[in-house]
Amino acid sequence: MTAVKHRLFFTLKKLLRMALLLLGVSLVTFFLMSASPLDPLETNIGQVALGSMSPEQVEKLEAYWGVGTPPLTRYLGWLSDVLRGDFGVSLLYRQPVLTVIGQRLLSSVWLLLFAWALSWASYPACAGIACPTG
C-alpha cells in the first residue's frame, strides 16, 4: 500500500512541477511580448491594412486586444481564457485555434507513431553495429 501512495505522490509532484513550468514559461513569454517596442496592431494586421482602417475600427481592435490595459491584467485575462479552453482565433486561418489544432492533430499522431515504430525497428541494427561480436 505504501508503494501505491509513493507512486501517487510522485505523480502528483511531477504534475504540479509541470503546471508550474507551463505557468512560468507562459508568464515570461507573455511579458517579453508585452515589452516589445513594436505596435501589436501593426505587427498582427500590417501597416498597410492598419493605415486603411478608420479610427473607429482601430479603436475597436485596440479594445479587443487590450492594447491600453496593463500587461498583468491582459495576462490574467488570457490565462482565464486558456483555463476555460478558449485559445482565441487564429489570425492566419480566422478560425478558433482549437479547431485548427484539431484538424492537424491526427496527422501529427500518425507521424509520431511512424517515427516511434521506425526507431524501434532500427534498434537491432544499431545494437549490432555498436556491440561487435568479438
C-alpha atoms as a PDB file:
ATOM      1  CA  MET A   1       0.000   0.000   0.000  1.00  0.00           C
ATOM      2  CA  THR A   2       2.837   2.406   0.697  1.00  0.00           C
ATOM      3  CA  ALA A   3       4.259   1.789  -2.781  1.00  0.00           C
ATOM      4  CA  VAL A   4       0.961   2.921  -4.302  1.00  0.00           C
ATOM      5  CA  LYS A   5       0.943   6.047  -2.126  1.00  0.00           C
ATOM      6  CA  HIS A   6       4.544   6.735  -3.091  1.00  0.00           C
ATOM      7  CA  ARG A   7       3.738   6.464  -6.815  1.00  0.00           C
ATOM      8  CA  LEU A   8       0.677   8.669  -6.415  1.00  0.00           C
ATOM      9  CA  PHE A   9       2.672  11.295  -4.506  1.00  0.00           C
ATOM     10  CA  PHE A  10       5.458  11.132  -7.096  1.00  0.00           C
ATOM     11  CA  THR A  11       2.970  11.542  -9.965  1.00  0.00           C
ATOM     12  CA  LEU A  12       1.185  14.443  -8.287  1.00  0.00           C
ATOM     13  CA  LYS A  13       4.511  16.136  -7.593  1.00  0.00           C
ATOM     14  CA  LYS A  14       5.548  15.781 -11.249  1.00  0.00           C
ATOM     15  CA  LEU A  15       2.183  17.134 -12.454  1.00  0.00           C
ATOM     16  CA  LEU A  16       2.485  20.123 -10.119  1.00  0.00           C
ATOM     17  CA  ARG A  17       6.003  20.821 -11.400  1.00  0.00           C
ATOM     18  CA  MET A  18       4.772  20.574 -14.995  1.00  0.00           C
ATOM     19  CA  ALA A  19       1.927  23.016 -14.284  1.00  0.00           C
ATOM     20  CA  LEU A  20       4.309  25.463 -12.609  1.00  0.00           C
ATOM     21  CA  LEU A  21       6.743  25.187 -15.516  1.00  0.00           C
ATOM     22  CA  LEU A  22       3.979  25.886 -18.042  1.00  0.00           C
ATOM     23  CA  LEU A  23       2.806  28.833 -15.963  1.00  0.00           C
ATOM     24  CA  GLY A  24       6.348  30.217 -15.739  1.00  0.00           C
ATOM     25  CA  VAL A  25       7.028  29.823 -19.453  1.00  0.00           C
ATOM     26  CA  SER A  26       3.715  31.451 -20.370  1.00  0.00           C
ATOM     27  CA  LEU A  27       4.378  34.316 -17.952  1.00  0.00           C
ATOM     28  CA  VAL A  28       7.872  35.011 -19.278  1.00  0.00           C
ATOM     29  CA  THR A  29       6.740  34.713 -22.902  1.00  0.00           C
ATOM     30  CA  PHE A  30       3.754  36.988 -22.364  1.00  0.00           C
ATOM     31  CA  PHE A  31       5.771  39.711 -20.648  1.00  0.00           C
ATOM     32  CA  LEU A  32       8.580  39.531 -23.209  1.00  0.00           C
ATOM     33  CA  MET A  33       5.991  40.026 -25.949  1.00  0.00           C
ATOM     34  CA  SER A  34       4.485  42.908 -23.975  1.00  0.00           C
ATOM     35  CA  ALA A  35       7.900  44.528 -23.599  1.00  0.00           C
ATOM     36  CA  SER A  36       8.396  44.557 -27.370  1.00  0.00           C
ATOM     37  CA  PRO A  37       8.684  48.085 -28.779  1.00  0.00           C
ATOM     38  CA  LEU A  38       6.572  47.086 -31.799  1.00  0.00           C
ATOM     39  CA  ASP A  39       2.950  48.142 -32.083  1.00  0.00           C
ATOM     40  CA  PRO A  40       0.835  44.984 -31.620  1.00  0.00           C
ATOM     41  CA  LEU A  41      -1.791  46.103 -34.127  1.00  0.00           C
ATOM     42  CA  GLU A  42       0.795  46.938 -36.758  1.00  0.00           C
ATOM     43  CA  THR A  43       2.587  43.635 -36.166  1.00  0.00           C
ATOM     44  CA  ASN A  44      -0.510  41.435 -36.392  1.00  0.00           C
ATOM     45  CA  ILE A  45      -2.521  43.277 -39.024  1.00  0.00           C
ATOM     46  CA  GLY A  46       0.123  45.025 -41.070  1.00  0.00           C
ATOM     47  CA  GLN A  47       0.960  48.652 -41.574  1.00  0.00           C
ATOM     48  CA  VAL A  48      -0.901  48.969 -44.873  1.00  0.00           C
ATOM     49  CA  ALA A  49      -4.117  47.389 -43.560  1.00  0.00           C
ATOM     50  CA  LEU A  50      -3.935  49.452 -40.384  1.00  0.00           C
ATOM     51  CA  GLY A  51      -3.458  52.635 -42.396  1.00  0.00           C
ATOM     52  CA  SER A  52      -6.562  51.924 -44.459  1.00  0.00           C
ATOM     53  CA  MET A  53      -8.789  51.474 -41.394  1.00  0.00           C
ATOM     54  CA  SER A  54     -10.972  54.158 -39.921  1.00  0.00           C
ATOM     55  CA  PRO A  55     -10.071  55.470 -36.446  1.00  0.00           C
ATOM     56  CA  GLU A  56     -13.194  53.761 -35.065  1.00  0.00           C
ATOM     57  CA  GLN A  57     -12.054  50.387 -36.406  1.00  0.00           C
ATOM     58  CA  VAL A  58      -8.593  50.901 -34.915  1.00  0.00           C
ATOM     59  CA  GLU A  59     -10.121  51.787 -31.528  1.00  0.00           C
ATOM     60  CA  LYS A  60     -12.317  48.695 -31.715  1.00  0.00           C
ATOM     61  CA  LEU A  61      -9.281  46.480 -32.375  1.00  0.00           C
ATOM     62  CA  GLU A  62      -7.289  48.143 -29.588  1.00  0.00           C
ATOM     63  CA  ALA A  63     -10.150  47.477 -27.185  1.00  0.00           C
ATOM     64  CA  TYR A  64     -10.462  43.863 -28.398  1.00  0.00           C
ATOM     65  CA  TRP A  65      -6.755  43.165 -27.897  1.00  0.00           C
ATOM     66  CA  GLY A  66      -6.486  45.275 -24.756  1.00  0.00           C
ATOM     67  CA  VAL A  67      -3.691  47.469 -26.089  1.00  0.00           C
ATOM     68  CA  GLY A  68      -4.227  50.185 -23.460  1.00  0.00           C
ATOM     69  CA  THR A  69      -4.622  47.862 -20.465  1.00  0.00           C
ATOM     70  CA  PRO A  70      -1.781  46.919 -18.106  1.00  0.00           C
ATOM     71  CA  PRO A  71       0.143  43.740 -19.038  1.00  0.00           C
ATOM     72  CA  LEU A  72      -0.771  41.933 -15.812  1.00  0.00           C
ATOM     73  CA  THR A  73      -4.485  42.474 -16.460  1.00  0.00           C
ATOM     74  CA  ARG A  74      -4.099  41.180 -20.023  1.00  0.00           C
ATOM     75  CA  TYR A  75      -2.126  38.151 -18.821  1.00  0.00           C
ATOM     76  CA  LEU A  76      -4.723  37.235 -16.200  1.00  0.00           C
ATOM     77  CA  GLY A  77      -7.484  37.588 -18.797  1.00  0.00           C
ATOM     78  CA  TRP A  78      -5.543  35.424 -21.235  1.00  0.00           C
ATOM     79  CA  LEU A  79      -4.841  32.809 -18.541  1.00  0.00           C
ATOM     80  CA  SER A  80      -8.516  32.766 -17.576  1.00  0.00           C
ATOM     81  CA  ASP A  81      -9.498  32.177 -21.210  1.00  0.00           C
ATOM     82  CA  VAL A  82      -6.920  29.402 -21.630  1.00  0.00           C
ATOM     83  CA  LEU A  83      -8.067  27.620 -18.469  1.00  0.00           C
ATOM     84  CA  ARG A  84     -11.619  27.646 -19.855  1.00  0.00           C
ATOM     85  CA  GLY A  85     -10.386  26.168 -23.159  1.00  0.00           C
ATOM     86  CA  ASP A  86     -10.699  29.373 -25.196  1.00  0.00           C
ATOM     87  CA  PHE A  87      -7.440  29.777 -27.117  1.00  0.00           C
ATOM     88  CA  GLY A  88      -8.771  32.586 -29.280  1.00  0.00           C
ATOM     89  CA  VAL A  89      -8.970  32.898 -33.046  1.00  0.00           C
ATOM     90  CA  SER A  90      -6.116  32.144 -35.430  1.00  0.00           C
ATOM     91  CA  LEU A  91      -5.008  35.274 -37.276  1.00  0.00           C
ATOM     92  CA  LEU A  92      -3.920  33.217 -40.274  1.00  0.00           C
ATOM     93  CA  TYR A  93      -6.916  30.885 -40.659  1.00  0.00           C
ATOM     94  CA  ARG A  94      -9.593  33.055 -38.990  1.00  0.00           C
ATOM     95  CA  GLN A  95     -10.904  30.006 -37.122  1.00  0.00           C
ATOM     96  CA  PRO A  96     -10.793  29.048 -33.431  1.00  0.00           C
ATOM     97  CA  VAL A  97      -7.298  27.839 -32.539  1.00  0.00           C
ATOM     98  CA  LEU A  98      -8.607  24.553 -31.126  1.00  0.00           C
ATOM     99  CA  THR A  99     -10.293  23.835 -34.463  1.00  0.00           C
ATOM    100  CA  VAL A 100      -7.042  24.475 -36.341  1.00  0.00           C
ATOM    101  CA  ILE A 101      -5.115  22.241 -33.920  1.00  0.00           C
ATOM    102  CA  GLY A 102      -7.778  19.525 -34.134  1.00  0.00           C
ATOM    103  CA  GLN A 103      -7.596  19.452 -37.927  1.00  0.00           C
ATOM    104  CA  ARG A 104      -3.877  18.746 -37.801  1.00  0.00           C
ATOM    105  CA  LEU A 105      -3.748  16.522 -34.735  1.00  0.00           C
ATOM    106  CA  LEU A 106      -4.429  13.226 -36.489  1.00  0.00           C
ATOM    107  CA  SER A 107      -1.574  13.782 -38.963  1.00  0.00           C
ATOM    108  CA  SER A 108       0.760  14.610 -36.092  1.00  0.00           C
ATOM    109  CA  VAL A 109      -0.216  11.459 -34.193  1.00  0.00           C
ATOM    110  CA  TRP A 110       0.403   9.296 -37.296  1.00  0.00           C
ATOM    111  CA  LEU A 111       3.800  10.921 -37.776  1.00  0.00           C
ATOM    112  CA  LEU A 112       4.636  10.309 -34.119  1.00  0.00           C
ATOM    113  CA  LEU A 113       3.632   6.650 -34.332  1.00  0.00           C
ATOM    114  CA  PHE A 114       5.606   6.134 -37.545  1.00  0.00           C
ATOM    115  CA  ALA A 115       8.742   7.716 -36.032  1.00  0.00           C
ATOM    116  CA  TRP A 116       8.341   5.639 -32.886  1.00  0.00           C
ATOM    117  CA  ALA A 117       7.936   2.414 -34.880  1.00  0.00           C
ATOM    118  CA  LEU A 118      10.916   3.301 -37.063  1.00  0.00           C
ATOM    119  CA  SER A 119      13.102   3.915 -34.025  1.00  0.00           C
ATOM    120  CA  TRP A 120      12.134   0.529 -32.568  1.00  0.00           C
ATOM    121  CA  ALA A 121      12.625  -1.245 -35.895  1.00  0.00           C
ATOM    122  CA  SER A 122      16.119   0.195 -36.301  1.00  0.00           C
ATOM    123  CA  TYR A 123      17.202  -0.740 -32.776  1.00  0.00           C
ATOM    124  CA  PRO A 124      18.506  -4.261 -33.587  1.00  0.00           C
ATOM    125  CA  ALA A 125      20.649  -2.972 -36.442  1.00  0.00           C
ATOM    126  CA  CYS A 126      22.103  -0.195 -34.281  1.00  0.00           C
ATOM    127  CA  ALA A 127      22.763  -2.574 -31.419  1.00  0.00           C
ATOM    128  CA  GLY A 128      24.583  -4.931 -33.809  1.00  0.00           C
ATOM    129  CA  ILE A 129      26.817  -2.124 -35.010  1.00  0.00           C
ATOM    130  CA  ALA A 130      27.503  -0.719 -31.567  1.00  0.00           C
ATOM    131  CA  CYS A 131      28.334  -4.061 -29.939  1.00  0.00           C
ATOM    132  CA  PRO A 132      30.573  -6.014 -32.300  1.00  0.00           C
ATOM    133  CA  THR A 133      30.857  -9.692 -31.634  1.00  0.00           C
ATOM    134  CA  GLY A 134      34.412 -10.393 -30.797  1.00  0.00           C
END
